[in-house]
Amino acid sequence: MAYSNQKKTSVKETIEQYTNDYLERFSQADVIKQANDAMTANKSAIEVADAVYDYLYEKNKADIVISTALKQCMPNDIMLILRQEIIRILK
């Protein structure tokens, strides 16, 4: 499954939108790279979303209190919403 540049751009913008308040730019770029790598490998929409979610979960998961204090942590519920948005874009 090949993804159009428009879909790739939409995924990138969505990741930026959902991670802007929680992650600094370098962490954000790493998350975007995970999505791009999965899309380049022609993975399914769910596999792309899972690659992003799994990376965020492993590297940046925290609760809402910690995530507001540190620019390297993100609440799990926001990560799940981001996962669903990526699936919606790529379907």
N, C-alpha and C. Protein backbone atom coordinates (compact mmCIF):
# COMPACT_ATOMS: atom_id res chain seq x y z
N MET A 1 0.85 -1.18 0.00
CA MET A 1 0.00 0.00 0.00
C MET A 1 0.90 1.24 0.00
N ALA A 2 0.82 2.00 -1.05
CA ALA A 2 1.61 3.24 -1.14
C ALA A 2 0.75 4.41 -0.67
N TYR A 3 1.34 5.27 0.11
CA TYR A 3 0.63 6.44 0.62
C TYR A 3 1.01 7.67 -0.18
N SER A 4 0.03 8.50 -0.46
CA SER A 4 0.27 9.73 -1.21
C SER A 4 1.02 10.73 -0.34
N ASN A 5 1.64 11.69 -1.01
CA ASN A 5 2.33 12.76 -0.27
C ASN A 5 1.37 13.54 0.60
N GLN A 6 0.13 13.68 0.13
CA GLN A 6 -0.89 14.40 0.91
C GLN A 6 -1.17 13.67 2.23
N LYS A 7 -1.29 12.34 2.17
CA LYS A 7 -1.53 11.59 3.40
C LYS A 7 -0.33 11.64 4.33
N LYS A 8 0.87 11.55 3.76
CA LYS A 8 2.08 11.64 4.58
C LYS A 8 2.17 12.99 5.26
N THR A 9 1.83 14.05 4.53
CA THR A 9 1.84 15.40 5.10
C THR A 9 0.78 15.53 6.18
N SER A 10 -0.40 14.97 5.95
CA SER A 10 -1.47 15.02 6.95
C SER A 10 -1.07 14.31 8.23
N VAL A 11 -0.42 13.16 8.09
CA VAL A 11 0.04 12.43 9.28
C VAL A 11 1.07 13.26 10.03
N LYS A 12 2.01 13.85 9.31
CA LYS A 12 3.04 14.68 9.94
C LYS A 12 2.40 15.84 10.69
N GLU A 13 1.46 16.53 10.06
CA GLU A 13 0.79 17.67 10.69
C GLU A 13 -0.02 17.24 11.91
N THR A 14 -0.64 16.08 11.84
CA THR A 14 -1.42 15.57 12.96
C THR A 14 -0.51 15.23 14.13
N ILE A 15 0.62 14.60 13.85
CA ILE A 15 1.58 14.29 14.91
C ILE A 15 2.06 15.59 15.56
N GLU A 16 2.37 16.58 14.75
CA GLU A 16 2.81 17.87 15.29
C GLU A 16 1.72 18.49 16.15
N GLN A 17 0.48 18.45 15.67
CA GLN A 17 -0.63 19.04 16.40
C GLN A 17 -0.81 18.40 17.77
N TYR A 18 -0.78 17.08 17.83
CA TYR A 18 -1.02 16.38 19.09
C TYR A 18 0.18 16.36 20.03
N THR A 19 1.39 16.51 19.50
CA THR A 19 2.58 16.43 20.35
C THR A 19 3.16 17.80 20.70
N ASN A 20 2.70 18.85 20.05
CA ASN A 20 3.26 20.20 20.27
C ASN A 20 3.30 20.61 21.74
N ASP A 21 2.25 20.34 22.47
CA ASP A 21 2.18 20.77 23.87
C ASP A 21 2.98 19.88 24.81
N TYR A 22 3.43 18.72 24.32
CA TYR A 22 4.04 17.75 25.22
C TYR A 22 5.50 17.44 24.92
N LEU A 23 5.90 17.49 23.66
CA LEU A 23 7.26 17.08 23.30
C LEU A 23 8.05 18.22 22.72
N GLU A 24 9.36 18.19 22.97
CA GLU A 24 10.23 19.17 22.34
C GLU A 24 10.48 18.73 20.89
N ARG A 25 11.07 19.58 20.09
CA ARG A 25 11.20 19.38 18.64
C ARG A 25 11.96 18.11 18.24
N PHE A 26 13.01 17.77 18.97
CA PHE A 26 13.80 16.59 18.60
C PHE A 26 12.99 15.31 18.82
N SER A 27 12.25 15.25 19.92
CA SER A 27 11.39 14.09 20.17
C SER A 27 10.28 14.02 19.13
N GLN A 28 9.75 15.18 18.79
CA GLN A 28 8.71 15.24 17.76
C GLN A 28 9.22 14.71 16.43
N ALA A 29 10.43 15.09 16.06
CA ALA A 29 11.03 14.63 14.81
C ALA A 29 11.23 13.11 14.82
N ASP A 30 11.58 12.54 15.96
CA ASP A 30 11.74 11.10 16.07
C ASP A 30 10.40 10.37 15.86
N VAL A 31 9.33 10.93 16.39
CA VAL A 31 8.00 10.33 16.23
C VAL A 31 7.59 10.40 14.75
N ILE A 32 7.80 11.53 14.13
CA ILE A 32 7.48 11.69 12.70
C ILE A 32 8.28 10.70 11.86
N LYS A 33 9.53 10.48 12.22
CA LYS A 33 10.37 9.52 11.50
C LYS A 33 9.79 8.11 11.61
N GLN A 34 9.28 7.75 12.78
CA GLN A 34 8.66 6.43 12.94
C GLN A 34 7.49 6.26 11.98
N ALA A 35 6.67 7.29 11.86
CA ALA A 35 5.52 7.24 10.94
C ALA A 35 6.00 7.15 9.50
N ASN A 36 6.97 7.99 9.13
CA ASN A 36 7.47 7.99 7.76
C ASN A 36 8.10 6.65 7.39
N ASP A 37 8.87 6.08 8.30
CA ASP A 37 9.49 4.78 8.04
C ASP A 37 8.44 3.70 7.81
N ALA A 38 7.39 3.71 8.63
CA ALA A 38 6.33 2.71 8.49
C ALA A 38 5.55 2.91 7.19
N MET A 39 5.31 4.18 6.81
CA MET A 39 4.59 4.44 5.56
C MET A 39 5.46 4.08 4.36
N THR A 40 6.75 4.35 4.43
CA THR A 40 7.67 4.01 3.34
C THR A 40 7.77 2.49 3.18
N ALA A 41 7.65 1.76 4.27
CA ALA A 41 7.68 0.30 4.24
C ALA A 41 6.34 -0.29 3.81
N ASN A 42 5.40 0.57 3.42
CA ASN A 42 4.07 0.16 2.95
C ASN A 42 3.29 -0.66 3.97
N LYS A 43 3.39 -0.28 5.23
CA LYS A 43 2.64 -0.95 6.27
C LYS A 43 1.19 -0.46 6.24
N SER A 44 0.31 -1.23 6.81
CA SER A 44 -1.11 -0.85 6.86
C SER A 44 -1.30 0.36 7.76
N ALA A 45 -2.48 0.96 7.68
CA ALA A 45 -2.79 2.13 8.50
C ALA A 45 -2.65 1.81 9.98
N ILE A 46 -3.11 0.64 10.39
CA ILE A 46 -3.03 0.26 11.80
C ILE A 46 -1.57 0.04 12.21
N GLU A 47 -0.77 -0.55 11.33
CA GLU A 47 0.64 -0.77 11.65
C GLU A 47 1.41 0.55 11.75
N VAL A 48 1.07 1.52 10.91
CA VAL A 48 1.70 2.84 10.99
C VAL A 48 1.32 3.50 12.32
N ALA A 49 0.04 3.47 12.65
CA ALA A 49 -0.42 4.06 13.90
C ALA A 49 0.19 3.36 15.10
N ASP A 50 0.31 2.03 15.03
CA ASP A 50 0.92 1.28 16.12
C ASP A 50 2.41 1.60 16.27
N ALA A 51 3.10 1.81 15.16
CA ALA A 51 4.52 2.16 15.22
C ALA A 51 4.70 3.48 15.97
N VAL A 52 3.84 4.45 15.68
CA VAL A 52 3.90 5.74 16.37
C VAL A 52 3.53 5.57 17.84
N TYR A 53 2.43 4.88 18.10
CA TYR A 53 1.98 4.68 19.48
C TYR A 53 3.02 3.93 20.30
N ASP A 54 3.53 2.83 19.76
CA ASP A 54 4.51 2.03 20.49
C ASP A 54 5.77 2.83 20.81
N TYR A 55 6.22 3.63 19.86
CA TYR A 55 7.40 4.47 20.09
C TYR A 55 7.12 5.49 21.20
N LEU A 56 5.98 6.17 21.10
CA LEU A 56 5.63 7.15 22.13
C LEU A 56 5.47 6.48 23.49
N TYR A 57 4.83 5.32 23.51
CA TYR A 57 4.60 4.62 24.77
C TYR A 57 5.93 4.26 25.43
N GLU A 58 6.85 3.75 24.63
CA GLU A 58 8.13 3.32 25.17
C GLU A 58 9.00 4.50 25.63
N LYS A 59 9.00 5.58 24.85
CA LYS A 59 9.93 6.68 25.10
C LYS A 59 9.34 7.85 25.89
N ASN A 60 8.03 8.10 25.77
CA ASN A 60 7.49 9.37 26.27
C ASN A 60 6.23 9.27 27.13
N LYS A 61 5.80 8.09 27.53
CA LYS A 61 4.56 7.96 28.29
C LYS A 61 4.71 8.51 29.70
N ALA A 62 3.69 9.23 30.14
CA ALA A 62 3.62 9.73 31.51
C ALA A 62 2.17 10.07 31.82
N ASP A 63 1.89 10.41 33.06
CA ASP A 63 0.54 10.87 33.36
C ASP A 63 0.45 12.37 33.11
N ILE A 64 -0.72 12.91 33.22
CA ILE A 64 -0.97 14.31 32.86
C ILE A 64 -0.17 15.27 33.75
N VAL A 65 0.03 14.91 35.00
CA VAL A 65 0.76 15.81 35.91
C VAL A 65 2.22 15.92 35.48
N ILE A 66 2.84 14.79 35.21
CA ILE A 66 4.25 14.81 34.80
C ILE A 66 4.39 15.47 33.43
N SER A 67 3.47 15.17 32.50
CA SER A 67 3.60 15.69 31.14
C SER A 67 3.48 17.21 31.07
N THR A 68 2.79 17.81 32.02
CA THR A 68 2.72 19.27 32.01
C THR A 68 4.01 19.90 32.53
N ALA A 69 4.79 19.14 33.28
CA ALA A 69 6.03 19.66 33.84
C ALA A 69 7.24 19.42 32.94
N LEU A 70 7.23 18.35 32.18
CA LEU A 70 8.38 17.99 31.35
C LEU A 70 8.00 18.01 29.87
N LYS A 71 8.88 18.53 29.03
CA LYS A 71 8.61 18.57 27.59
C LYS A 71 9.12 17.31 26.89
N GLN A 72 9.11 16.19 27.58
CA GLN A 72 9.50 14.93 26.96
C GLN A 72 8.52 13.83 27.30
N CYS A 73 7.40 14.19 27.90
CA CYS A 73 6.41 13.21 28.32
C CYS A 73 5.05 13.56 27.75
N MET A 74 4.24 12.53 27.55
CA MET A 74 2.94 12.72 26.92
C MET A 74 1.92 11.80 27.59
N PRO A 75 0.71 12.29 27.87
CA PRO A 75 -0.31 11.45 28.49
C PRO A 75 -0.76 10.33 27.54
N ASN A 76 -1.06 9.18 28.12
CA ASN A 76 -1.46 8.02 27.33
C ASN A 76 -2.75 8.27 26.55
N ASP A 77 -3.70 8.98 27.12
CA ASP A 77 -4.96 9.20 26.41
C ASP A 77 -4.75 10.03 25.14
N ILE A 78 -3.84 10.97 25.15
CA ILE A 78 -3.53 11.75 23.95
C ILE A 78 -2.84 10.87 22.91
N MET A 79 -1.99 9.96 23.38
CA MET A 79 -1.33 9.03 22.45
C MET A 79 -2.36 8.14 21.75
N LEU A 80 -3.38 7.70 22.49
CA LEU A 80 -4.42 6.86 21.89
C LEU A 80 -5.26 7.64 20.88
N ILE A 81 -5.55 8.89 21.19
CA ILE A 81 -6.28 9.73 20.24
C ILE A 81 -5.45 9.94 18.98
N LEU A 82 -4.17 10.20 19.14
CA LEU A 82 -3.28 10.36 17.99
C LEU A 82 -3.27 9.10 17.15
N ARG A 83 -3.22 7.94 17.78
CA ARG A 83 -3.24 6.66 17.05
C ARG A 83 -4.51 6.56 16.19
N GLN A 84 -5.65 6.88 16.78
CA GLN A 84 -6.91 6.81 16.04
C GLN A 84 -6.94 7.81 14.88
N GLU A 85 -6.40 8.99 15.09
CA GLU A 85 -6.36 10.01 14.03
C GLU A 85 -5.49 9.55 12.86
N ILE A 86 -4.37 8.91 13.14
CA ILE A 86 -3.51 8.42 12.08
C ILE A 86 -4.23 7.35 11.27
N ILE A 87 -4.93 6.44 11.96
CA ILE A 87 -5.70 5.40 11.26
C ILE A 87 -6.75 6.05 10.37
N ARG A 88 -7.45 7.05 10.90
CA ARG A 88 -8.51 7.73 10.14
C ARG A 88 -7.94 8.38 8.89
N ILE A 89 -6.80 9.01 8.99
CA ILE A 89 -6.18 9.69 7.85
C ILE A 89 -5.78 8.70 6.78
N LEU A 90 -5.23 7.57 7.18
CA LEU A 90 -4.66 6.64 6.22
C LEU A 90 -5.66 5.64 5.64
N LYS A 91 -6.85 5.57 6.20
CA LYS A 91 -7.88 4.64 5.67
C LYS A 91 -8.48 5.17 4.39
